[in-house]
Amino acid sequence: MTMKTFEEVTKKSKRKNLWKTVGISSIVGIVLLLSSLYTLRLFSNYRSQQAQEHFNHVLQVTYPNVDVERFYVNEIGIVSGYVDYNLSKDVAGVPFAFGHLEVDYNLYGIFANFGQYFPEGSEEYYYHQDSNSKLPIFYNTKTASGRQELSYTKEMKGQLIEVAITFDKKYTLAEIRNMVPNNLKKNWYWIGTEKSQLRTEYLSLVSLFGMDSEQLQAVTAEVATDDLVPYTSPLTVMKELVDYQGDYALSPEIKGDVQAYVDKFGDTDFTQQAEIDKLEFAGIILTGRAEDFVELENADWIYASSIGASVQNQPYYQLDVE
């Protein structure tokens, strides 16, 4: 073999090794890229699930008389997106659109627009920023003299309305059932506050804790022990939120109230209506025909009354009241 031939063979060998190295490097790079994208996708799914689980819990025991109609998960990037909850109110059985709640998530955590939560308005009237509907307000009997708006119901004939009633003291569910007329729907019960200085009329909707009427109906033993569709009582949800330490954990002042309520009633057996009836509440959301609220005007157990959403009654509505 001549020197020239040897050099040519060497060059070809080097070129072949170079292409082999480039090929292997490219394959490794592609594999690493795909692995990274897959890992980021898994993390994005984790963040999405985390946002859903947390706010599904939050909306079960906060947002007075507000239901989740449906929710959508929208991905806007490899590791980002948002969960969009469509909300509604129940006014005597008639659904009333209440805007939406948007919860964003990305690589760094969960984020929500607090402007969607807080009431907006004057000292006398508060409105929900997204739906522009009047908010029913609960008052702390230790800090403020609440508004008395039941007198306005006489001027609202033909309307279906929502009213927040703050009691003069806490009453059991059984007592409340006997106090409220049957022609008004009992939608949602507020647990109240033990704080002497907390101005509850300024609280965001996610800081008002309570239970809706359906949650206060006893479940069967079969439902309570179903492994396929696990049952979670509202008190269990409250306890989980007290223990939660992630994004949007409870503020110390609210956490104390919820913790105290769970400590007192946490052992309630939700398969026994007699035990559920012993739960105590500081207020209630009632809905019904405006004219049916008139009889509550002089009730001595009412500390304050605040009108919320209202809608014109129609002959074709099938109401949940007598």
C-alpha atoms as a PDB file:
ATOM      1  CA  MET A   1       0.000   0.000   0.000  1.00  0.00           C
ATOM      2  CA  THR A   2       1.440   3.365  -1.010  1.00  0.00           C
ATOM      3  CA  MET A   3       1.535   6.311   1.346  1.00  0.00           C
ATOM      4  CA  LYS A   4      -1.101   8.076  -0.743  1.00  0.00           C
ATOM      5  CA  THR A   5      -3.461   5.124  -0.579  1.00  0.00           C
ATOM      6  CA  PHE A   6      -2.951   4.859   3.191  1.00  0.00           C
ATOM      7  CA  GLU A   7      -3.813   8.538   3.645  1.00  0.00           C
ATOM      8  CA  GLU A   8      -6.987   8.137   1.604  1.00  0.00           C
ATOM      9  CA  VAL A   9      -8.074   5.130   3.684  1.00  0.00           C
ATOM     10  CA  THR A  10      -7.338   7.044   6.888  1.00  0.00           C
ATOM     11  CA  LYS A  11      -9.365  10.053   5.707  1.00  0.00           C
ATOM     12  CA  LYS A  12     -12.293   7.824   4.761  1.00  0.00           C
ATOM     13  CA  SER A  13     -12.131   6.125   8.156  1.00  0.00           C
ATOM     14  CA  LYS A  14     -12.060   9.457   9.974  1.00  0.00           C
ATOM     15  CA  ARG A  15     -14.949  10.750   7.856  1.00  0.00           C
ATOM     16  CA  LYS A  16     -16.940   7.601   8.583  1.00  0.00           C
ATOM     17  CA  ASN A  17     -16.256   7.888  12.319  1.00  0.00           C
ATOM     18  CA  LEU A  18     -17.206  11.563  12.214  1.00  0.00           C
ATOM     19  CA  TRP A  19     -20.567  10.828  10.597  1.00  0.00           C
ATOM     20  CA  LYS A  20     -21.118   8.013  13.045  1.00  0.00           C
ATOM     21  CA  THR A  21     -20.392  10.376  15.939  1.00  0.00           C
ATOM     22  CA  VAL A  22     -22.694  13.034  14.461  1.00  0.00           C
ATOM     23  CA  GLY A  23     -25.428  10.439  13.961  1.00  0.00           C
ATOM     24  CA  ILE A  24     -25.158   9.090  17.489  1.00  0.00           C
ATOM     25  CA  SER A  25     -25.075  12.618  18.925  1.00  0.00           C
ATOM     26  CA  SER A  26     -28.159  13.571  16.923  1.00  0.00           C
ATOM     27  CA  ILE A  27     -30.046  10.489  18.069  1.00  0.00           C
ATOM     28  CA  VAL A  28     -29.039  11.123  21.686  1.00  0.00           C
ATOM     29  CA  GLY A  29     -30.076  14.785  21.342  1.00  0.00           C
ATOM     30  CA  ILE A  30     -33.453  13.859  19.886  1.00  0.00           C
ATOM     31  CA  VAL A  31     -34.023  11.268  22.612  1.00  0.00           C
ATOM     32  CA  LEU A  32     -33.100  13.812  25.301  1.00  0.00           C
ATOM     33  CA  LEU A  33     -35.370  16.419  23.705  1.00  0.00           C
ATOM     34  CA  LEU A  34     -38.297  14.019  23.505  1.00  0.00           C
ATOM     35  CA  SER A  35     -37.644  12.872  27.061  1.00  0.00           C
ATOM     36  CA  SER A  36     -37.587  16.478  28.247  1.00  0.00           C
ATOM     37  CA  LEU A  37     -40.829  17.275  26.428  1.00  0.00           C
ATOM     38  CA  TYR A  38     -42.445  14.162  27.854  1.00  0.00           C
ATOM     39  CA  THR A  39     -41.283  15.061  31.362  1.00  0.00           C
ATOM     40  CA  LEU A  40     -42.586  18.612  30.982  1.00  0.00           C
ATOM     41  CA  ARG A  41     -45.901  17.257  29.689  1.00  0.00           C
ATOM     42  CA  LEU A  42     -46.188  14.981  32.718  1.00  0.00           C
ATOM     43  CA  PHE A  43     -45.437  17.917  35.001  1.00  0.00           C
ATOM     44  CA  SER A  44     -48.001  20.054  33.177  1.00  0.00           C
ATOM     45  CA  ASN A  45     -50.613  17.342  33.699  1.00  0.00           C
ATOM     46  CA  TYR A  46     -49.623  17.207  37.365  1.00  0.00           C
ATOM     47  CA  ARG A  47     -50.072  20.983  37.734  1.00  0.00           C
ATOM     48  CA  SER A  48     -53.431  20.814  35.957  1.00  0.00           C
ATOM     49  CA  GLN A  49     -54.607  18.008  38.225  1.00  0.00           C
ATOM     50  CA  GLN A  50     -53.314  19.867  41.263  1.00  0.00           C
ATOM     51  CA  ALA A  51     -55.293  22.987  40.302  1.00  0.00           C
ATOM     52  CA  GLN A  52     -58.460  20.984  39.668  1.00  0.00           C
ATOM     53  CA  GLU A  53     -58.277  19.000  42.895  1.00  0.00           C
ATOM     54  CA  HIS A  54     -57.609  22.031  45.082  1.00  0.00           C
ATOM     55  CA  PHE A  55     -60.249  24.322  43.620  1.00  0.00           C
ATOM     56  CA  ASN A  56     -62.811  21.523  43.345  1.00  0.00           C
ATOM     57  CA  HIS A  57     -62.427  21.203  47.109  1.00  0.00           C
ATOM     58  CA  VAL A  58     -62.520  24.955  47.644  1.00  0.00           C
ATOM     59  CA  LEU A  59     -65.722  25.362  45.639  1.00  0.00           C
ATOM     60  CA  GLN A  60     -67.437  22.584  47.606  1.00  0.00           C
ATOM     61  CA  VAL A  61     -67.353  24.515  50.880  1.00  0.00           C
ATOM     62  CA  THR A  62     -67.031  28.196  49.887  1.00  0.00           C
ATOM     63  CA  TYR A  63     -68.682  30.516  47.332  1.00  0.00           C
ATOM     64  CA  PRO A  64     -72.146  30.864  48.963  1.00  0.00           C
ATOM     65  CA  ASN A  65     -74.926  29.408  46.794  1.00  0.00           C
ATOM     66  CA  VAL A  66     -72.651  29.036  43.772  1.00  0.00           C
ATOM     67  CA  ASP A  67     -72.496  25.831  41.733  1.00  0.00           C
ATOM     68  CA  VAL A  68     -70.003  24.659  39.120  1.00  0.00           C
ATOM     69  CA  GLU A  69     -71.951  24.020  35.925  1.00  0.00           C
ATOM     70  CA  ARG A  70     -68.928  22.614  34.120  1.00  0.00           C
ATOM     71  CA  PHE A  71     -65.212  23.217  33.812  1.00  0.00           C
ATOM     72  CA  TYR A  72     -62.668  23.075  31.017  1.00  0.00           C
ATOM     73  CA  VAL A  73     -58.924  22.497  31.023  1.00  0.00           C
ATOM     74  CA  ASN A  74     -57.219  24.639  28.384  1.00  0.00           C
ATOM     75  CA  GLU A  75     -53.545  24.066  27.592  1.00  0.00           C
ATOM     76  CA  ILE A  76     -51.772  27.125  26.216  1.00  0.00           C
ATOM     77  CA  GLY A  77     -48.189  25.870  26.349  1.00  0.00           C
ATOM     78  CA  ILE A  78     -46.064  22.846  27.078  1.00  0.00           C
ATOM     79  CA  VAL A  79     -46.183  23.521  30.824  1.00  0.00           C
ATOM     80  CA  SER A  80     -48.970  26.074  31.169  1.00  0.00           C
ATOM     81  CA  GLY A  81     -52.709  26.395  30.863  1.00  0.00           C
ATOM     82  CA  TYR A  82     -55.799  27.229  32.876  1.00  0.00           C
ATOM     83  CA  VAL A  83     -58.895  25.623  34.348  1.00  0.00           C
ATOM     84  CA  ASP A  84     -62.048  27.565  33.509  1.00  0.00           C
ATOM     85  CA  TYR A  85     -65.023  27.006  35.835  1.00  0.00           C
ATOM     86  CA  ASN A  86     -68.461  28.095  34.601  1.00  0.00           C
ATOM     87  CA  LEU A  87     -70.460  29.152  37.654  1.00  0.00           C
ATOM     88  CA  SER A  88     -74.152  29.610  38.380  1.00  0.00           C
ATOM     89  CA  LYS A  89     -76.464  30.422  41.261  1.00  0.00           C
ATOM     90  CA  ASP A  90     -79.651  28.610  42.198  1.00  0.00           C
ATOM     91  CA  VAL A  91     -82.520  31.052  42.765  1.00  0.00           C
ATOM     92  CA  ALA A  92     -85.505  28.973  43.916  1.00  0.00           C
ATOM     93  CA  GLY A  93     -84.562  26.296  41.398  1.00  0.00           C
ATOM     94  CA  VAL A  94     -83.868  28.672  38.505  1.00  0.00           C
ATOM     95  CA  PRO A  95     -80.203  28.699  37.363  1.00  0.00           C
ATOM     96  CA  PHE A  96     -78.655  32.160  37.274  1.00  0.00           C
ATOM     97  CA  ALA A  97     -75.359  32.689  35.421  1.00  0.00           C
ATOM     98  CA  PHE A  98     -72.590  33.818  37.778  1.00  0.00           C
ATOM     99  CA  GLY A  99     -69.662  34.283  35.433  1.00  0.00           C
ATOM    100  CA  HIS A 100     -66.622  32.079  35.687  1.00  0.00           C
ATOM    101  CA  LEU A 101     -63.526  31.418  37.742  1.00  0.00           C
ATOM    102  CA  GLU A 102     -60.215  31.042  35.937  1.00  0.00           C
ATOM    103  CA  VAL A 103     -57.312  29.242  37.599  1.00  0.00           C
ATOM    104  CA  ASP A 104     -53.960  29.392  35.785  1.00  0.00           C
ATOM    105  CA  TYR A 105     -51.154  26.906  36.240  1.00  0.00           C
ATOM    106  CA  ASN A 106     -47.571  26.708  34.986  1.00  0.00           C
ATOM    107  CA  LEU A 107     -44.144  25.416  35.917  1.00  0.00           C
ATOM    108  CA  TYR A 108     -44.023  27.584  39.040  1.00  0.00           C
ATOM    109  CA  GLY A 109     -47.426  26.887  40.576  1.00  0.00           C
ATOM    110  CA  ILE A 110     -51.129  27.739  40.570  1.00  0.00           C
ATOM    111  CA  PHE A 111     -52.430  31.269  40.078  1.00  0.00           C
ATOM    112  CA  ALA A 112     -55.923  32.743  40.244  1.00  0.00           C
ATOM    113  CA  ASN A 113     -57.290  36.225  39.673  1.00  0.00           C
ATOM    114  CA  PHE A 114     -58.219  37.502  43.123  1.00  0.00           C
ATOM    115  CA  GLY A 115     -60.227  40.260  41.453  1.00  0.00           C
ATOM    116  CA  GLN A 116     -62.778  37.576  40.625  1.00  0.00           C
ATOM    117  CA  TYR A 117     -63.228  36.779  44.304  1.00  0.00           C
ATOM    118  CA  PHE A 118     -63.622  40.068  46.099  1.00  0.00           C
ATOM    119  CA  PRO A 119     -66.842  42.060  46.328  1.00  0.00           C
ATOM    120  CA  GLU A 120     -66.796  45.489  44.771  1.00  0.00           C
ATOM    121  CA  GLY A 121     -68.916  48.500  45.666  1.00  0.00           C
ATOM    122  CA  SER A 122     -69.771  50.889  48.479  1.00  0.00           C
ATOM    123  CA  GLU A 123     -70.379  50.339  52.184  1.00  0.00           C
ATOM    124  CA  GLU A 124     -74.024  49.638  51.361  1.00  0.00           C
ATOM    125  CA  TYR A 125     -73.949  47.458  48.252  1.00  0.00           C
ATOM    126  CA  TYR A 126     -71.438  44.962  46.925  1.00  0.00           C
ATOM    127  CA  TYR A 127     -71.306  43.490  43.447  1.00  0.00           C
ATOM    128  CA  HIS A 128     -69.567  40.505  41.919  1.00  0.00           C
ATOM    129  CA  GLN A 129     -67.092  41.865  39.376  1.00  0.00           C
ATOM    130  CA  ASP A 130     -67.452  39.103  36.803  1.00  0.00           C
ATOM    131  CA  SER A 131     -71.245  38.698  36.672  1.00  0.00           C
ATOM    132  CA  ASN A 132     -72.105  42.230  37.888  1.00  0.00           C
ATOM    133  CA  SER A 133     -74.800  40.784  40.154  1.00  0.00           C
ATOM    134  CA  LYS A 134     -75.409  42.054  43.681  1.00  0.00           C
ATOM    135  CA  LEU A 135     -73.754  39.931  46.355  1.00  0.00           C
ATOM    136  CA  PRO A 136     -75.546  38.722  49.481  1.00  0.00           C
ATOM    137  CA  ILE A 137     -73.445  39.675  52.506  1.00  0.00           C
ATOM    138  CA  PHE A 138     -72.981  37.968  55.874  1.00  0.00           C
ATOM    139  CA  TYR A 139     -72.082  40.054  58.933  1.00  0.00           C
ATOM    140  CA  ASN A 140     -70.077  39.392  62.074  1.00  0.00           C
ATOM    141  CA  THR A 141     -72.449  40.144  64.963  1.00  0.00           C
ATOM    142  CA  LYS A 142     -69.459  41.175  67.098  1.00  0.00           C
ATOM    143  CA  THR A 143     -68.151  43.933  64.802  1.00  0.00           C
ATOM    144  CA  ALA A 144     -70.860  45.577  62.736  1.00  0.00           C
ATOM    145  CA  SER A 145     -74.537  46.346  62.640  1.00  0.00           C
ATOM    146  CA  GLY A 146     -75.663  44.675  59.452  1.00  0.00           C
ATOM    147  CA  ARG A 147     -78.023  46.000  56.840  1.00  0.00           C
ATOM    148  CA  GLN A 148     -81.749  45.255  56.972  1.00  0.00           C
ATOM    149  CA  GLU A 149     -82.901  44.755  53.385  1.00  0.00           C
ATOM    150  CA  LEU A 150     -85.968  42.561  53.851  1.00  0.00           C
ATOM    151  CA  SER A 151     -88.158  45.663  53.718  1.00  0.00           C
ATOM    152  CA  TYR A 152     -87.204  46.091  50.042  1.00  0.00           C
ATOM    153  CA  THR A 153     -88.832  42.788  49.124  1.00  0.00           C
ATOM    154  CA  LYS A 154     -92.273  44.424  49.191  1.00  0.00           C
ATOM    155  CA  GLU A 155     -91.184  46.486  46.188  1.00  0.00           C
ATOM    156  CA  MET A 156     -89.834  43.483  44.263  1.00  0.00           C
ATOM    157  CA  LYS A 157     -93.072  41.666  43.515  1.00  0.00           C
ATOM    158  CA  GLY A 158     -92.795  39.242  40.612  1.00  0.00           C
ATOM    159  CA  GLN A 159     -89.088  38.623  41.169  1.00  0.00           C
ATOM    160  CA  LEU A 160     -87.187  35.610  42.428  1.00  0.00           C
ATOM    161  CA  ILE A 161     -84.503  36.717  44.858  1.00  0.00           C
ATOM    162  CA  GLU A 162     -81.603  35.506  46.944  1.00  0.00           C
ATOM    163  CA  VAL A 163     -81.177  36.771  50.512  1.00  0.00           C
ATOM    164  CA  ALA A 164     -78.364  36.223  53.012  1.00  0.00           C
ATOM    165  CA  ILE A 165     -79.679  36.049  56.568  1.00  0.00           C
ATOM    166  CA  THR A 166     -77.235  36.535  59.439  1.00  0.00           C
ATOM    167  CA  PHE A 167     -78.631  35.015  62.626  1.00  0.00           C
ATOM    168  CA  ASP A 168     -78.510  36.764  66.008  1.00  0.00           C
ATOM    169  CA  LYS A 169     -76.598  33.702  67.258  1.00  0.00           C
ATOM    170  CA  LYS A 170     -75.691  30.255  65.990  1.00  0.00           C
ATOM    171  CA  TYR A 171     -78.520  27.757  65.582  1.00  0.00           C
ATOM    172  CA  THR A 172     -78.550  24.042  64.880  1.00  0.00           C
ATOM    173  CA  LEU A 173     -79.704  22.744  61.520  1.00  0.00           C
ATOM    174  CA  ALA A 174     -82.805  21.290  63.189  1.00  0.00           C
ATOM    175  CA  GLU A 175     -83.677  24.671  64.723  1.00  0.00           C
ATOM    176  CA  ILE A 176     -83.150  26.496  61.430  1.00  0.00           C
ATOM    177  CA  ARG A 177     -85.427  24.050  59.652  1.00  0.00           C
ATOM    178  CA  ASN A 178     -88.234  25.012  62.040  1.00  0.00           C
ATOM    179  CA  MET A 179     -87.492  28.743  61.898  1.00  0.00           C
ATOM    180  CA  VAL A 180     -87.589  29.233  58.116  1.00  0.00           C
ATOM    181  CA  PRO A 181     -90.960  29.071  56.291  1.00  0.00           C
ATOM    182  CA  ASN A 182     -91.414  26.157  53.887  1.00  0.00           C
ATOM    183  CA  ASN A 183     -92.140  28.482  50.961  1.00  0.00           C
ATOM    184  CA  LEU A 184     -88.497  29.630  50.966  1.00  0.00           C
ATOM    185  CA  LYS A 185     -85.659  27.441  49.708  1.00  0.00           C
ATOM    186  CA  LYS A 186     -82.746  26.857  52.086  1.00  0.00           C
ATOM    187  CA  ASN A 187     -79.769  26.948  49.715  1.00  0.00           C
ATOM    188  CA  TRP A 188     -76.576  27.385  51.713  1.00  0.00           C
ATOM    189  CA  TYR A 189     -75.505  27.542  55.377  1.00  0.00           C
ATOM    190  CA  TRP A 190     -72.668  29.741  56.698  1.00  0.00           C
ATOM    191  CA  ILE A 191     -70.490  28.461  59.558  1.00  0.00           C
ATOM    192  CA  GLY A 192     -69.741  32.009  60.756  1.00  0.00           C
ATOM    193  CA  THR A 193     -66.688  33.317  62.584  1.00  0.00           C
ATOM    194  CA  GLU A 194     -65.368  33.270  66.138  1.00  0.00           C
ATOM    195  CA  LYS A 195     -63.158  36.329  65.568  1.00  0.00           C
ATOM    196  CA  SER A 196     -64.194  39.470  67.443  1.00  0.00           C
ATOM    197  CA  GLN A 197     -62.649  41.888  64.920  1.00  0.00           C
ATOM    198  CA  LEU A 198     -63.149  40.145  61.569  1.00  0.00           C
ATOM    199  CA  ARG A 199     -65.273  42.207  59.152  1.00  0.00           C
ATOM    200  CA  THR A 200     -66.888  39.389  57.222  1.00  0.00           C
ATOM    201  CA  GLU A 201     -68.651  41.746  54.817  1.00  0.00           C
ATOM    202  CA  TYR A 202     -65.245  42.413  53.236  1.00  0.00           C
ATOM    203  CA  LEU A 203     -64.238  38.775  52.825  1.00  0.00           C
ATOM    204  CA  SER A 204     -63.661  37.222  49.436  1.00  0.00           C
ATOM    205  CA  LEU A 205     -66.034  34.514  48.255  1.00  0.00           C
ATOM    206  CA  VAL A 206     -63.364  31.852  48.810  1.00  0.00           C
ATOM    207  CA  SER A 207     -63.141  32.861  52.476  1.00  0.00           C
ATOM    208  CA  LEU A 208     -66.818  32.291  53.306  1.00  0.00           C
ATOM    209  CA  PHE A 209     -67.161  28.694  54.455  1.00  0.00           C
ATOM    210  CA  GLY A 210     -70.326  26.665  54.659  1.00  0.00           C
ATOM    211  CA  MET A 211     -72.403  23.861  53.173  1.00  0.00           C
ATOM    212  CA  ASP A 212     -75.257  23.636  50.719  1.00  0.00           C
ATOM    213  CA  SER A 213     -78.537  21.925  51.551  1.00  0.00           C
ATOM    214  CA  GLU A 214     -77.709  18.784  49.554  1.00  0.00           C
ATOM    215  CA  GLN A 215     -74.518  18.248  51.559  1.00  0.00           C
ATOM    216  CA  LEU A 216     -76.629  18.249  54.724  1.00  0.00           C
ATOM    217  CA  GLN A 217     -78.721  15.267  53.680  1.00  0.00           C
ATOM    218  CA  ALA A 218     -77.692  11.935  55.167  1.00  0.00           C
ATOM    219  CA  VAL A 219     -76.113   9.458  52.750  1.00  0.00           C
ATOM    220  CA  THR A 220     -76.604   5.718  52.829  1.00  0.00           C
ATOM    221  CA  ALA A 221     -73.941   3.411  54.225  1.00  0.00           C
ATOM    222  CA  GLU A 222     -73.425   2.063  50.699  1.00  0.00           C
ATOM    223  CA  VAL A 223     -72.634   5.539  49.368  1.00  0.00           C
ATOM    224  CA  ALA A 224     -70.346   6.323  52.305  1.00  0.00           C
ATOM    225  CA  THR A 225     -68.266   3.173  51.722  1.00  0.00           C
ATOM    226  CA  ASP A 226     -68.284   3.044  47.913  1.00  0.00           C
ATOM    227  CA  ASP A 227     -64.704   2.489  46.717  1.00  0.00           C
ATOM    228  CA  LEU A 228     -65.459   3.332  43.074  1.00  0.00           C
ATOM    229  CA  VAL A 229     -66.982   6.746  43.858  1.00  0.00           C
ATOM    230  CA  PRO A 230     -65.506   7.706  47.243  1.00  0.00           C
ATOM    231  CA  TYR A 231     -67.780   9.879  49.390  1.00  0.00           C
ATOM    232  CA  THR A 232     -66.247  12.950  51.002  1.00  0.00           C
ATOM    233  CA  SER A 233     -68.265  14.890  53.555  1.00  0.00           C
ATOM    234  CA  PRO A 234     -68.030  18.706  53.629  1.00  0.00           C
ATOM    235  CA  LEU A 235     -66.292  18.503  57.005  1.00  0.00           C
ATOM    236  CA  THR A 236     -63.643  16.191  55.541  1.00  0.00           C
ATOM    237  CA  VAL A 237     -63.086  18.710  52.744  1.00  0.00           C
ATOM    238  CA  MET A 238     -62.709  21.508  55.309  1.00  0.00           C
ATOM    239  CA  LYS A 239     -60.162  19.463  57.243  1.00  0.00           C
ATOM    240  CA  GLU A 240     -58.158  18.802  54.078  1.00  0.00           C
ATOM    241  CA  LEU A 241     -58.124  22.538  53.304  1.00  0.00           C
ATOM    242  CA  VAL A 242     -56.958  23.312  56.846  1.00  0.00           C
ATOM    243  CA  ASP A 243     -54.059  20.871  56.390  1.00  0.00           C
ATOM    244  CA  TYR A 244     -53.231  22.067  52.851  1.00  0.00           C
ATOM    245  CA  GLN A 245     -49.933  23.982  52.612  1.00  0.00           C
ATOM    246  CA  GLY A 246     -49.646  24.709  48.877  1.00  0.00           C
ATOM    247  CA  ASP A 247     -50.669  27.662  46.710  1.00  0.00           C
ATOM    248  CA  TYR A 248     -53.777  29.431  48.026  1.00  0.00           C
ATOM    249  CA  ALA A 249     -53.667  27.836  51.449  1.00  0.00           C
ATOM    250  CA  LEU A 250     -56.079  29.356  53.972  1.00  0.00           C
ATOM    251  CA  SER A 251     -55.132  32.653  55.580  1.00  0.00           C
ATOM    252  CA  PRO A 252     -54.436  32.390  59.339  1.00  0.00           C
ATOM    253  CA  GLU A 253     -57.637  34.196  60.365  1.00  0.00           C
ATOM    254  CA  ILE A 254     -59.881  32.035  58.182  1.00  0.00           C
ATOM    255  CA  LYS A 255     -57.947  28.870  58.983  1.00  0.00           C
ATOM    256  CA  GLY A 256     -58.622  29.388  62.689  1.00  0.00           C
ATOM    257  CA  ASP A 257     -62.394  29.546  62.175  1.00  0.00           C
ATOM    258  CA  VAL A 258     -62.485  26.486  59.938  1.00  0.00           C
ATOM    259  CA  GLN A 259     -60.195  24.563  62.296  1.00  0.00           C
ATOM    260  CA  ALA A 260     -62.449  25.397  65.266  1.00  0.00           C
ATOM    261  CA  TYR A 261     -65.519  24.194  63.367  1.00  0.00           C
ATOM    262  CA  VAL A 262     -63.818  20.956  62.321  1.00  0.00           C
ATOM    263  CA  ASP A 263     -62.592  20.382  65.890  1.00  0.00           C
ATOM    264  CA  LYS A 264     -66.151  20.720  67.188  1.00  0.00           C
ATOM    265  CA  PHE A 265     -68.072  18.815  64.512  1.00  0.00           C
ATOM    266  CA  GLY A 266     -65.430  16.768  62.689  1.00  0.00           C
ATOM    267  CA  ASP A 267     -66.727  13.437  64.004  1.00  0.00           C
ATOM    268  CA  THR A 268     -70.235  13.965  62.619  1.00  0.00           C
ATOM    269  CA  ASP A 269     -71.546  10.791  60.979  1.00  0.00           C
ATOM    270  CA  PHE A 270     -73.051  11.828  57.645  1.00  0.00           C
ATOM    271  CA  THR A 271     -74.999   8.583  57.407  1.00  0.00           C
ATOM    272  CA  GLN A 272     -77.080   9.734  60.400  1.00  0.00           C
ATOM    273  CA  GLN A 273     -79.448  12.670  59.836  1.00  0.00           C
ATOM    274  CA  ALA A 274     -79.864  13.114  63.589  1.00  0.00           C
ATOM    275  CA  GLU A 275     -76.144  13.906  63.877  1.00  0.00           C
ATOM    276  CA  ILE A 276     -76.155  16.240  60.874  1.00  0.00           C
ATOM    277  CA  ASP A 277     -79.066  18.122  62.454  1.00  0.00           C
ATOM    278  CA  LYS A 278     -76.781  19.069  65.373  1.00  0.00           C
ATOM    279  CA  LEU A 279     -74.416  21.102  63.168  1.00  0.00           C
ATOM    280  CA  GLU A 280     -74.515  24.812  64.005  1.00  0.00           C
ATOM    281  CA  PHE A 281     -74.622  27.728  61.586  1.00  0.00           C
ATOM    282  CA  ALA A 282     -74.432  31.514  61.839  1.00  0.00           C
ATOM    283  CA  GLY A 283     -76.338  32.363  58.676  1.00  0.00           C
ATOM    284  CA  ILE A 284     -78.190  31.054  55.664  1.00  0.00           C
ATOM    285  CA  ILE A 285     -78.833  31.855  52.001  1.00  0.00           C
ATOM    286  CA  LEU A 286     -82.560  31.702  51.212  1.00  0.00           C
ATOM    287  CA  THR A 287     -84.171  31.987  47.788  1.00  0.00           C
ATOM    288  CA  GLY A 288     -87.758  32.303  46.663  1.00  0.00           C
ATOM    289  CA  ARG A 289     -90.449  34.713  45.526  1.00  0.00           C
ATOM    290  CA  ALA A 290     -89.831  38.242  46.785  1.00  0.00           C
ATOM    291  CA  GLU A 291     -93.332  38.471  48.257  1.00  0.00           C
ATOM    292  CA  ASP A 292     -92.721  35.353  50.374  1.00  0.00           C
ATOM    293  CA  PHE A 293     -89.899  37.053  52.294  1.00  0.00           C
ATOM    294  CA  VAL A 294     -92.198  39.661  53.809  1.00  0.00           C
ATOM    295  CA  GLU A 295     -93.144  37.433  56.746  1.00  0.00           C
ATOM    296  CA  LEU A 296     -89.499  37.367  57.864  1.00  0.00           C
ATOM    297  CA  GLU A 297     -89.316  41.132  58.352  1.00  0.00           C
ATOM    298  CA  ASN A 298     -89.941  41.113  62.096  1.00  0.00           C
ATOM    299  CA  ALA A 299     -88.299  37.793  62.968  1.00  0.00           C
ATOM    300  CA  ASP A 300     -86.312  38.260  66.185  1.00  0.00           C
ATOM    301  CA  TRP A 301     -83.654  35.704  65.166  1.00  0.00           C
ATOM    302  CA  ILE A 302     -82.489  37.825  62.214  1.00  0.00           C
ATOM    303  CA  TYR A 303     -79.482  40.042  62.923  1.00  0.00           C
ATOM    304  CA  ALA A 304     -79.040  41.255  59.334  1.00  0.00           C
ATOM    305  CA  SER A 305     -80.459  40.641  55.867  1.00  0.00           C
ATOM    306  CA  SER A 306     -78.780  41.277  52.523  1.00  0.00           C
ATOM    307  CA  ILE A 307     -80.369  40.803  49.102  1.00  0.00           C
ATOM    308  CA  GLY A 308     -78.221  39.171  46.434  1.00  0.00           C
ATOM    309  CA  ALA A 309     -79.092  38.003  42.936  1.00  0.00           C
ATOM    310  CA  SER A 310     -82.574  38.535  41.518  1.00  0.00           C
ATOM    311  CA  VAL A 311     -84.356  37.446  38.359  1.00  0.00           C
ATOM    312  CA  GLN A 312     -87.809  38.125  36.962  1.00  0.00           C
ATOM    313  CA  ASN A 313     -90.164  35.216  37.616  1.00  0.00           C
ATOM    314  CA  GLN A 314     -91.715  33.579  34.566  1.00  0.00           C
ATOM    315  CA  PRO A 315     -94.840  31.393  34.309  1.00  0.00           C
ATOM    316  CA  TYR A 316     -92.864  28.546  32.763  1.00  0.00           C
ATOM    317  CA  TYR A 317     -90.315  28.286  35.595  1.00  0.00           C
ATOM    318  CA  GLN A 318     -90.544  25.131  37.694  1.00  0.00           C
ATOM    319  CA  LEU A 319     -89.701  26.460  41.147  1.00  0.00           C
ATOM    320  CA  ASP A 320     -88.275  24.463  44.056  1.00  0.00           C
ATOM    321  CA  VAL A 321     -90.557  26.246  46.527  1.00  0.00           C
ATOM    322  CA  GLU A 322     -94.169  25.756  47.512  1.00  0.00           C
END
